PDB file of N, CA and C in Angstrom:
ATOM      1  N   UNK A   1       6.858-104.139 103.162  1.00  0.00           N
ATOM      2  CA  UNK A   1       6.269-104.741 102.532  1.00  0.00           C
ATOM      3  C   UNK A   1       6.381-106.021 101.312  1.00  0.00           C
ATOM      4  N   UNK A   2       7.512-104.820 100.617  1.00  0.00           N
ATOM      5  CA  UNK A   2       8.035-104.910  99.523  1.00  0.00           C
ATOM      6  C   UNK A   2       8.553-106.874  99.392  1.00  0.00           C
ATOM      7  N   UNK A   3       9.035-107.088 100.318  1.00  0.00           N
ATOM      8  CA  UNK A   3       9.815-107.823 101.079  1.00  0.00           C
ATOM      9  C   UNK A   3       8.878-109.771 101.442  1.00  0.00           C
ATOM     10  N   UNK A   4       7.656-109.153 101.175  1.00  0.00           N
ATOM     11  CA  UNK A   4       6.850-109.959 102.161  1.00  0.00           C
ATOM     12  C   UNK A   4       6.014-110.717 100.262  1.00  0.00           C
ATOM     13  N   UNK A   5       5.857-109.917  99.569  1.00  0.00           N
ATOM     14  CA  UNK A   5       5.355-109.472  97.507  1.00  0.00           C
ATOM     15  C   UNK A   5       5.828-110.661  97.645  1.00  0.00           C
ATOM     16  N   UNK A   6       7.432-109.356  97.544  1.00  0.00           N
ATOM     17  CA  UNK A   6       8.197-110.151  96.283  1.00  0.00           C
ATOM     18  C   UNK A   6       8.284-112.324  96.833  1.00  0.00           C
ATOM     19  N   UNK A   7       8.334-112.251  98.282  1.00  0.00           N
ATOM     20  CA  UNK A   7       8.315-113.823  99.080  1.00  0.00           C
ATOM     21  C   UNK A   7       6.796-114.972  98.205  1.00  0.00           C
ATOM     22  N   UNK A   8       5.734-113.604  98.119  1.00  0.00           N
ATOM     23  CA  UNK A   8       4.600-114.350  97.012  1.00  0.00           C
ATOM     24  C   UNK A   8       4.949-114.739  96.100  1.00  0.00           C
ATOM     25  N   UNK A   9       5.351-113.610  94.934  1.00  0.00           N
ATOM     26  CA  UNK A   9       5.771-114.048  93.768  1.00  0.00           C
ATOM     27  C   UNK A   9       6.576-115.099  93.269  1.00  0.00           C
ATOM     28  N   UNK A  10       7.532-115.484  94.389  1.00  0.00           N
ATOM     29  CA  UNK A  10       8.181-115.842  94.133  1.00  0.00           C
ATOM     30  C   UNK A  10       7.644-117.093  94.529  1.00  0.00           C
ATOM     31  N   UNK A  11       6.827-117.743  95.369  1.00  0.00           N
ATOM     32  CA  UNK A  11       6.181-119.207  95.996  1.00  0.00           C
ATOM     33  C   UNK A  11       5.038-119.331  94.792  1.00  0.00           C
ATOM     34  N   UNK A  12       4.388-118.069  94.247  1.00  0.00           N
ATOM     35  CA  UNK A  12       3.424-119.211  93.436  1.00  0.00           C
ATOM     36  C   UNK A  12       4.405-118.848  91.729  1.00  0.00           C
ATOM     37  N   UNK A  13       5.557-118.491  91.276  1.00  0.00           N
ATOM     38  CA  UNK A  13       5.755-118.633  90.248  1.00  0.00           C
ATOM     39  C   UNK A  13       6.343-120.158  90.731  1.00  0.00           C
ATOM     40  N   UNK A  14       7.006-120.757  92.087  1.00  0.00           N
ATOM     41  CA  UNK A  14       7.985-122.172  91.925  1.00  0.00           C
ATOM     42  C   UNK A  14       6.802-122.791  91.475  1.00  0.00           C
ATOM     43  N   UNK A  15       5.548-122.797  92.382  1.00  0.00           N
ATOM     44  CA  UNK A  15       4.614-123.757  92.278  1.00  0.00           C
ATOM     45  C   UNK A  15       3.663-123.681  91.249  1.00  0.00           C
ATOM     46  N   UNK A  16       4.116-123.068  90.677  1.00  0.00           N
ATOM     47  CA  UNK A  16       3.683-123.287  89.136  1.00  0.00           C
ATOM     48  C   UNK A  16       4.733-123.845  88.435  1.00  0.00           C
ATOM     49  N   UNK A  17       5.837-123.789  88.912  1.00  0.00           N
ATOM     50  CA  UNK A  17       6.733-124.920  87.887  1.00  0.00           C
ATOM     51  C   UNK A  17       7.365-125.817  88.436  1.00  0.00           C
ATOM     52  N   UNK A  18       6.367-126.515  89.469  1.00  0.00           N
ATOM     53  CA  UNK A  18       6.435-127.859  90.037  1.00  0.00           C
ATOM     54  C   UNK A  18       4.855-128.624  90.141  1.00  0.00           C
ATOM     55  N   UNK A  19       4.711-127.773  89.576  1.00  0.00           N
ATOM     56  CA  UNK A  19       2.600-128.558  89.481  1.00  0.00           C
ATOM     57  C   UNK A  19       2.484-129.917  89.388  1.00  0.00           C
ATOM     58  N   UNK A  20       3.286-130.282  87.926  1.00  0.00           N
ATOM     59  CA  UNK A  20       3.669-131.810  87.487  1.00  0.00           C
ATOM     60  C   UNK A  20       4.566-132.783  88.332  1.00  0.00           C
ATOM     61  N   UNK A  21       5.497-132.212  89.024  1.00  0.00           N
ATOM     62  CA  UNK A  21       6.192-133.230  89.861  1.00  0.00           C
ATOM     63  C   UNK A  21       5.218-133.577  90.745  1.00  0.00           C
ATOM     64  N   UNK A  22       6.463-134.779  91.208  1.00  0.00           N
ATOM     65  CA  UNK A  22       6.241-135.755  92.376  1.00  0.00           C
ATOM     66  C   UNK A  22       6.585-135.067  93.701  1.00  0.00           C
ATOM     67  N   UNK A  23       7.869-133.802  93.861  1.00  0.00           N
ATOM     68  CA  UNK A  23       7.782-133.148  95.152  1.00  0.00           C
ATOM     69  C   UNK A  23       6.819-132.490  95.377  1.00  0.00           C
ATOM     70  N   UNK A  24       5.545-131.854  94.579  1.00  0.00           N
ATOM     71  CA  UNK A  24       4.537-131.065  94.611  1.00  0.00           C
ATOM     72  C   UNK A  24       3.118-132.251  95.652  1.00  0.00           C
ATOM     73  N   UNK A  25       3.356-133.292  95.963  1.00  0.00           N
ATOM     74  CA  UNK A  25       2.632-133.827  96.319  1.00  0.00           C
ATOM     75  C   UNK A  25       3.250-133.822  97.541  1.00  0.00           C
ATOM     76  N   UNK A  26       4.253-133.890  97.654  1.00  0.00           N
ATOM     77  CA  UNK A  26       5.070-134.370  99.017  1.00  0.00           C
ATOM     78  C   UNK A  26       4.693-132.781  99.928  1.00  0.00           C
ATOM     79  N   UNK A  27       5.219-132.042  98.676  1.00  0.00           N
ATOM     80  CA  UNK A  27       4.844-130.903  99.851  1.00  0.00           C
ATOM     81  C   UNK A  27       4.104-130.476  99.816  1.00  0.00           C
ATOM     82  N   UNK A  28       2.862-130.514  99.212  1.00  0.00           N
ATOM     83  CA  UNK A  28       1.483-130.554  99.608  1.00  0.00           C
ATOM     84  C   UNK A  28       1.026-131.740 101.594  1.00  0.00           C
ATOM     85  N   UNK A  29       1.742-132.077 101.385  1.00  0.00           N
ATOM     86  CA  UNK A  29       1.625-132.712 102.858  1.00  0.00           C
ATOM     87  C   UNK A  29       2.058-132.356 103.872  1.00  0.00           C
ATOM     88  N   UNK A  30       2.788-131.568 103.544  1.00  0.00           N
ATOM     89  CA  UNK A  30       3.697-129.965 104.230  1.00  0.00           C
ATOM     90  C   UNK A  30       2.637-129.328 104.783  1.00  0.00           C
ATOM     91  N   UNK A  31       1.710-128.896 104.393  1.00  0.00           N
ATOM     92  CA  UNK A  31       1.425-127.770 104.372  1.00  0.00           C
ATOM     93  C   UNK A  31       0.232-127.327 106.001  1.00  0.00           C
ATOM     94  N   UNK A  32      -0.350-128.382 105.988  1.00  0.00           N
ATOM     95  CA  UNK A  32      -0.644-127.887 107.429  1.00  0.00           C
ATOM     96  C   UNK A  32       0.187-128.250 108.479  1.00  0.00           C
ATOM     97  N   UNK A  33       1.113-128.855 108.608  1.00  0.00           N
ATOM     98  CA  UNK A  33       2.591-129.085 109.560  1.00  0.00           C
ATOM     99  C   UNK A  33       2.291-127.830 109.218  1.00  0.00           C
ATOM    100  N   UNK A  34       2.888-127.002 108.155  1.00  0.00           N
ATOM    101  CA  UNK A  34       3.690-125.729 108.186  1.00  0.00           C
ATOM    102  C   UNK A  34       2.141-124.397 108.549  1.00  0.00           C
ATOM    103  N   UNK A  35       1.145-124.670 108.161  1.00  0.00           N
ATOM    104  CA  UNK A  35       0.258-123.632 108.742  1.00  0.00           C
ATOM    105  C   UNK A  35      -0.482-123.903 110.063  1.00  0.00           C
ATOM    106  N   UNK A  36       0.117-125.250 111.275  1.00  0.00           N
ATOM    107  CA  UNK A  36      -0.064-124.841 112.424  1.00  0.00           C
ATOM    108  C   UNK A  36       0.891-124.220 113.176  1.00  0.00           C
ATOM    109  N   UNK A  37       2.567-124.521 111.850  1.00  0.00           N
ATOM    110  CA  UNK A  37       3.318-123.413 112.621  1.00  0.00           C
ATOM    111  C   UNK A  37       3.078-122.337 112.787  1.00  0.00           C
ATOM    112  N   UNK A  38       3.339-121.577 111.765  1.00  0.00           N
ATOM    113  CA  UNK A  38       2.559-120.413 111.383  1.00  0.00           C
ATOM    114  C   UNK A  38       1.334-120.059 112.374  1.00  0.00           C
ATOM    115  N   UNK A  39       0.742-120.667 112.688  1.00  0.00           N
ATOM    116  CA  UNK A  39      -0.223-120.306 113.683  1.00  0.00           C
ATOM    117  C   UNK A  39      -0.128-119.714 115.466  1.00  0.00           C
ATOM    118  N   UNK A  40       0.992-120.869 115.477  1.00  0.00           N
ATOM    119  CA  UNK A  40       2.107-120.041 116.645  1.00  0.00           C
ATOM    120  C   UNK A  40       2.894-120.435 117.036  1.00  0.00           C
ATOM    121  N   UNK A  41       3.949-119.379 115.858  1.00  0.00           N
ATOM    122  CA  UNK A  41       4.292-118.166 116.026  1.00  0.00           C
ATOM    123  C   UNK A  41       3.723-116.697 116.104  1.00  0.00           C
ATOM    124  N   UNK A  42       2.135-116.985 114.927  1.00  0.00           N
ATOM    125  CA  UNK A  42       1.749-115.561 115.725  1.00  0.00           C
ATOM    126  C   UNK A  42       0.929-115.625 116.801  1.00  0.00           C
ATOM    127  N   UNK A  43       0.686-116.889 117.418  1.00  0.00           N
ATOM    128  CA  UNK A  43       0.143-116.272 118.688  1.00  0.00           C
ATOM    129  C   UNK A  43       1.119-116.247 119.404  1.00  0.00           C
ATOM    130  N   UNK A  44       2.790-116.960 119.506  1.00  0.00           N
ATOM    131  CA  UNK A  44       3.827-116.253 120.387  1.00  0.00           C
ATOM    132  C   UNK A  44       3.952-114.430 120.877  1.00  0.00           C
ATOM    133  N   UNK A  45       3.223-114.237 118.763  1.00  0.00           N
ATOM    134  CA  UNK A  45       4.044-113.035 118.782  1.00  0.00           C
ATOM    135  C   UNK A  45       3.360-112.071 119.684  1.00  0.00           C
ATOM    136  N   UNK A  46       2.313-112.295 119.320  1.00  0.00           N
ATOM    137  CA  UNK A  46       0.729-111.762 120.183  1.00  0.00           C
ATOM    138  C   UNK A  46       1.004-111.855 121.619  1.00  0.00           C
ATOM    139  N   UNK A  47       1.442-112.743 122.448  1.00  0.00           N
ATOM    140  CA  UNK A  47       0.811-112.995 123.680  1.00  0.00           C
ATOM    141  C   UNK A  47       2.617-112.560 124.832  1.00  0.00           C
ATOM    142  N   UNK A  48       3.766-112.096 123.626  1.00  0.00           N
ATOM    143  CA  UNK A  48       4.821-111.119 123.935  1.00  0.00           C
ATOM    144  C   UNK A  48       4.233-110.027 124.226  1.00  0.00           C
ATOM    145  N   UNK A  49       3.208-109.499 123.279  1.00  0.00           N
ATOM    146  CA  UNK A  49       3.153-107.845 123.255  1.00  0.00           C
ATOM    147  C   UNK A  49       2.536-107.218 123.832  1.00  0.00           C
ATOM    148  N   UNK A  50       3.020-107.146 125.374  1.00  0.00           N
ATOM    149  CA  UNK A  50       1.970-105.783 126.072  1.00  0.00           C
ATOM    150  C   UNK A  50       0.785-105.215 126.284  1.00  0.00           C
ATOM    151  N   UNK A  51       1.266-104.132 124.634  1.00  0.00           N
ATOM    152  CA  UNK A  51      -0.355-103.501 124.240  1.00  0.00           C
ATOM    153  C   UNK A  51      -1.035-104.217 123.922  1.00  0.00           C
ATOM    154  N   UNK A  52      -1.222-105.177 123.469  1.00  0.00           N
ATOM    155  CA  UNK A  52      -2.020-106.024 122.331  1.00  0.00           C
ATOM    156  C   UNK A  52      -2.698-107.282 123.648  1.00  0.00           C
ATOM    157  N   UNK A  53      -1.800-106.828 124.855  1.00  0.00           N
ATOM    158  CA  UNK A  53      -2.590-107.915 126.032  1.00  0.00           C
ATOM    159  C   UNK A  53      -2.728-107.026 126.553  1.00  0.00           C
ATOM    160  N   UNK A  54      -2.688-106.039 126.994  1.00  0.00           N
ATOM    161  CA  UNK A  54      -3.135-104.798 127.937  1.00  0.00           C
ATOM    162  C   UNK A  54      -4.266-104.403 127.152  1.00  0.00           C
ATOM    163  N   UNK A  55      -5.030-104.813 126.231  1.00  0.00           N
ATOM    164  CA  UNK A  55      -5.718-104.501 125.767  1.00  0.00           C
ATOM    165  C   UNK A  55      -6.633-105.430 124.104  1.00  0.00           C
ATOM    166  N   UNK A  56      -6.999-106.426 125.194  1.00  0.00           N
ATOM    167  CA  UNK A  56      -7.239-107.575 124.332  1.00  0.00           C
ATOM    168  C   UNK A  56      -8.600-107.538 124.852  1.00  0.00           C
ATOM    169  N   UNK A  57      -9.236-107.094 125.303  1.00  0.00           N
ATOM    170  CA  UNK A  57     -10.928-107.083 125.389  1.00  0.00           C
ATOM    171  C   UNK A  57     -10.928-106.165 124.687  1.00  0.00           C
ATOM    172  N   UNK A  58     -10.058-104.642 124.477  1.00  0.00           N
ATOM    173  CA  UNK A  58     -10.726-103.840 123.242  1.00  0.00           C
ATOM    174  C   UNK A  58     -11.291-104.621 121.898  1.00  0.00           C
ATOM    175  N   UNK A  59      -9.222-104.943 121.359  1.00  0.00           N
ATOM    176  CA  UNK A  59      -9.449-105.838 120.520  1.00  0.00           C
ATOM    177  C   UNK A  59     -10.341-107.141 120.051  1.00  0.00           C
ATOM    178  N   UNK A  60     -10.896-108.093 121.406  1.00  0.00           N
ATOM    179  CA  UNK A  60     -11.346-109.503 121.191  1.00  0.00           C
ATOM    180  C   UNK A  60     -13.502-108.910 121.056  1.00  0.00           C
ATOM    181  N   UNK A  61     -13.440-108.027 121.252  1.00  0.00           N
ATOM    182  CA  UNK A  61     -14.679-107.376 120.740  1.00  0.00           C
ATOM    183  C   UNK A  61     -14.801-106.964 118.916  1.00  0.00           C
ATOM    184  N   UNK A  62     -13.776-106.386 118.868  1.00  0.00           N
ATOM    185  CA  UNK A  62     -13.679-105.819 117.256  1.00  0.00           C
ATOM    186  C   UNK A  62     -13.519-107.467 116.311  1.00  0.00           C
ATOM    187  N   UNK A  63     -12.365-108.093 117.128  1.00  0.00           N
ATOM    188  CA  UNK A  63     -11.880-109.333 116.117  1.00  0.00           C
ATOM    189  C   UNK A  63     -13.049-110.188 115.974  1.00  0.00           C
ATOM    190  N   UNK A  64     -14.267-110.228 117.609  1.00  0.00           N
ATOM    191  CA  UNK A  64     -15.178-111.048 116.626  1.00  0.00           C
ATOM    192  C   UNK A  64     -15.829-110.432 116.177  1.00  0.00           C
ATOM    193  N   UNK A  65     -16.363-109.693 116.099  1.00  0.00           N
ATOM    194  CA  UNK A  65     -17.351-108.584 114.901  1.00  0.00           C
ATOM    195  C   UNK A  65     -16.851-108.662 113.315  1.00  0.00           C
ATOM    196  N   UNK A  66     -15.567-108.485 113.496  1.00  0.00           N
ATOM    197  CA  UNK A  66     -15.166-108.688 111.911  1.00  0.00           C
ATOM    198  C   UNK A  66     -15.325-110.373 112.025  1.00  0.00           C
ATOM    199  N   UNK A  67     -14.838-111.034 112.762  1.00  0.00           N
ATOM    200  CA  UNK A  67     -15.494-112.186 112.281  1.00  0.00           C
ATOM    201  C   UNK A  67     -16.538-112.927 112.094  1.00  0.00           C
ATOM    202  N   UNK A  68     -17.320-111.572 112.846  1.00  0.00           N
ATOM    203  CA  UNK A  68     -18.848-113.004 112.703  1.00  0.00           C
ATOM    204  C   UNK A  68     -19.766-111.804 110.804  1.00  0.00           C
ATOM    205  N   UNK A  69     -19.005-110.782 110.799  1.00  0.00           N
ATOM    206  CA  UNK A  69     -19.812-110.150 109.674  1.00  0.00           C
ATOM    207  C   UNK A  69     -18.678-110.926 108.329  1.00  0.00           C
ATOM    208  N   UNK A  70     -17.614-111.802 108.825  1.00  0.00           N
ATOM    209  CA  UNK A  70     -16.966-112.313 107.855  1.00  0.00           C
ATOM    210  C   UNK A  70     -17.727-113.615 107.412  1.00  0.00           C
ATOM    211  N   UNK A  71     -18.149-113.832 108.516  1.00  0.00           N
ATOM    212  CA  UNK A  71     -19.042-115.043 107.863  1.00  0.00           C
ATOM    213  C   UNK A  71     -20.429-114.866 106.884  1.00  0.00           C
ATOM    214  N   UNK A  72     -21.195-113.936 107.975  1.00  0.00           N
ATOM    215  CA  UNK A  72     -21.920-113.570 107.457  1.00  0.00           C
ATOM    216  C   UNK A  72     -22.552-113.072 105.759  1.00  0.00           C
ATOM    217  N   UNK A  73     -21.544-112.564 105.351  1.00  0.00           N
ATOM    218  CA  UNK A  73     -21.019-112.000 104.410  1.00  0.00           C
ATOM    219  C   UNK A  73     -20.657-112.670 103.507  1.00  0.00           C
ATOM    220  N   UNK A  74     -19.368-114.461 103.836  1.00  0.00           N
ATOM    221  CA  UNK A  74     -19.418-114.980 102.950  1.00  0.00           C
ATOM    222  C   UNK A  74     -20.873-115.743 103.022  1.00  0.00           C
ATOM    223  N   UNK A  75     -21.225-116.744 103.834  1.00  0.00           N
ATOM    224  CA  UNK A  75     -22.840-116.984 103.694  1.00  0.00           C
ATOM    225  C   UNK A  75     -23.478-116.609 102.561  1.00  0.00           C
ATOM    226  N   UNK A  76     -23.879-115.450 102.704  1.00  0.00           N
ATOM    227  CA  UNK A  76     -25.216-114.849 101.925  1.00  0.00           C
ATOM    228  C   UNK A  76     -23.715-114.698 100.243  1.00  0.00           C
ATOM    229  N   UNK A  77     -22.458-114.944 100.096  1.00  0.00           N
ATOM    230  CA  UNK A  77     -22.186-114.478  98.436  1.00  0.00           C
ATOM    231  C   UNK A  77     -22.162-116.453  97.848  1.00  0.00           C
ATOM    232  N   UNK A  78     -21.833-117.235  98.848  1.00  0.00           N
ATOM    233  CA  UNK A  78     -22.198-118.149  98.824  1.00  0.00           C
ATOM    234  C   UNK A  78     -23.743-118.891  98.410  1.00  0.00           C
ATOM    235  N   UNK A  79     -24.381-117.935  99.358  1.00  0.00           N
ATOM    236  CA  UNK A  79     -25.905-118.740  98.485  1.00  0.00           C
ATOM    237  C   UNK A  79     -25.797-118.254  97.890  1.00  0.00           C
ATOM    238  N   UNK A  80     -25.886-116.623  97.188  1.00  0.00           N
ATOM    239  CA  UNK A  80     -26.156-116.120  95.329  1.00  0.00           C
ATOM    240  C   UNK A  80     -25.478-116.303  94.335  1.00  0.00           C
ATOM    241  N   UNK A  81     -24.405-117.040  94.784  1.00  0.00           N
ATOM    242  CA  UNK A  81     -23.544-118.149  93.558  1.00  0.00           C
ATOM    243  C   UNK A  81     -24.374-119.416  93.043  1.00  0.00           C
ATOM    244  N   UNK A  82     -24.201-120.413  94.248  1.00  0.00           N
ATOM    245  CA  UNK A  82     -25.148-121.323  94.493  1.00  0.00           C
ATOM    246  C   UNK A  82     -26.387-120.961  93.700  1.00  0.00           C
ATOM    247  N   UNK A  83     -27.215-120.369  93.786  1.00  0.00           N
ATOM    248  CA  UNK A  83     -28.389-119.631  93.211  1.00  0.00           C
ATOM    249  C   UNK A  83     -28.420-119.498  91.740  1.00  0.00           C
ATOM    250  N   UNK A  84     -27.871-118.216  91.705  1.00  0.00           N
ATOM    251  CA  UNK A  84     -26.794-117.939  90.198  1.00  0.00           C
ATOM    252  C   UNK A  84     -26.234-118.604  89.353  1.00  0.00           C
ATOM    253  N   UNK A  85     -25.745-119.721  89.503  1.00  0.00           N
ATOM    254  CA  UNK A  85     -24.700-121.134  88.545  1.00  0.00           C
ATOM    255  C   UNK A  85     -25.131-122.126  88.618  1.00  0.00           C
ATOM    256  N   UNK A  86     -25.127-122.809  90.517  1.00  0.00           N
ATOM    257  CA  UNK A  86     -25.206-124.073  90.308  1.00  0.00           C
ATOM    258  C   UNK A  86     -26.478-124.781  90.563  1.00  0.00           C
ATOM    259  N   UNK A  87     -27.862-123.582  90.695  1.00  0.00           N
ATOM    260  CA  UNK A  87     -29.084-124.305  90.701  1.00  0.00           C
ATOM    261  C   UNK A  87     -30.071-124.735  89.269  1.00  0.00           C
ATOM    262  N   UNK A  88     -30.552-125.439  89.090  1.00  0.00           N
ATOM    263  CA  UNK A  88     -31.037-126.277  88.305  1.00  0.00           C
ATOM    264  C   UNK A  88     -32.051-124.879  87.690  1.00  0.00           C
ATOM    265  N   UNK A  89     -31.946-124.156  86.577  1.00  0.00           N
ATOM    266  CA  UNK A  89     -32.659-123.092  86.114  1.00  0.00           C
ATOM    267  C   UNK A  89     -31.813-121.852  85.791  1.00  0.00           C
ATOM    268  N   UNK A  90     -31.097-122.237  86.749  1.00  0.00           N
ATOM    269  CA  UNK A  90     -30.174-120.714  86.911  1.00  0.00           C
ATOM    270  C   UNK A  90     -29.174-120.590  85.987  1.00  0.00           C
ATOM    271  N   UNK A  91     -28.706-119.401  86.159  1.00  0.00           N
ATOM    272  CA  UNK A  91     -27.352-118.894  85.571  1.00  0.00           C
ATOM    273  C   UNK A  91     -27.433-118.099  84.317  1.00  0.00           C
ATOM    274  N   UNK A  92     -26.467-116.867  84.185  1.00  0.00           N
ATOM    275  CA  UNK A  92     -27.061-115.636  83.477  1.00  0.00           C
ATOM    276  C   UNK A  92     -27.120-115.847  81.816  1.00  0.00           C
TER     277      UNK A  92
END
């Protein structure tokens, strides 16, 4: 776990250091490809795990519930922030 957090911290520092360089724009173009590649590898790891595939029905229902709850919570939060900070006359 510490290795993952270390990679994240090093990536944030590298991004901060490179934020005003030309290479940052080039790296920004590779981001969608990188995300698709990570999703593909994640799918392969899930598909090759017999425990996950054997219990997909159970996990699928839980995943759907978590997904819907996250979406509803995000919509409610965005609506509240919009009303508080962006609607005319709103604010603290």
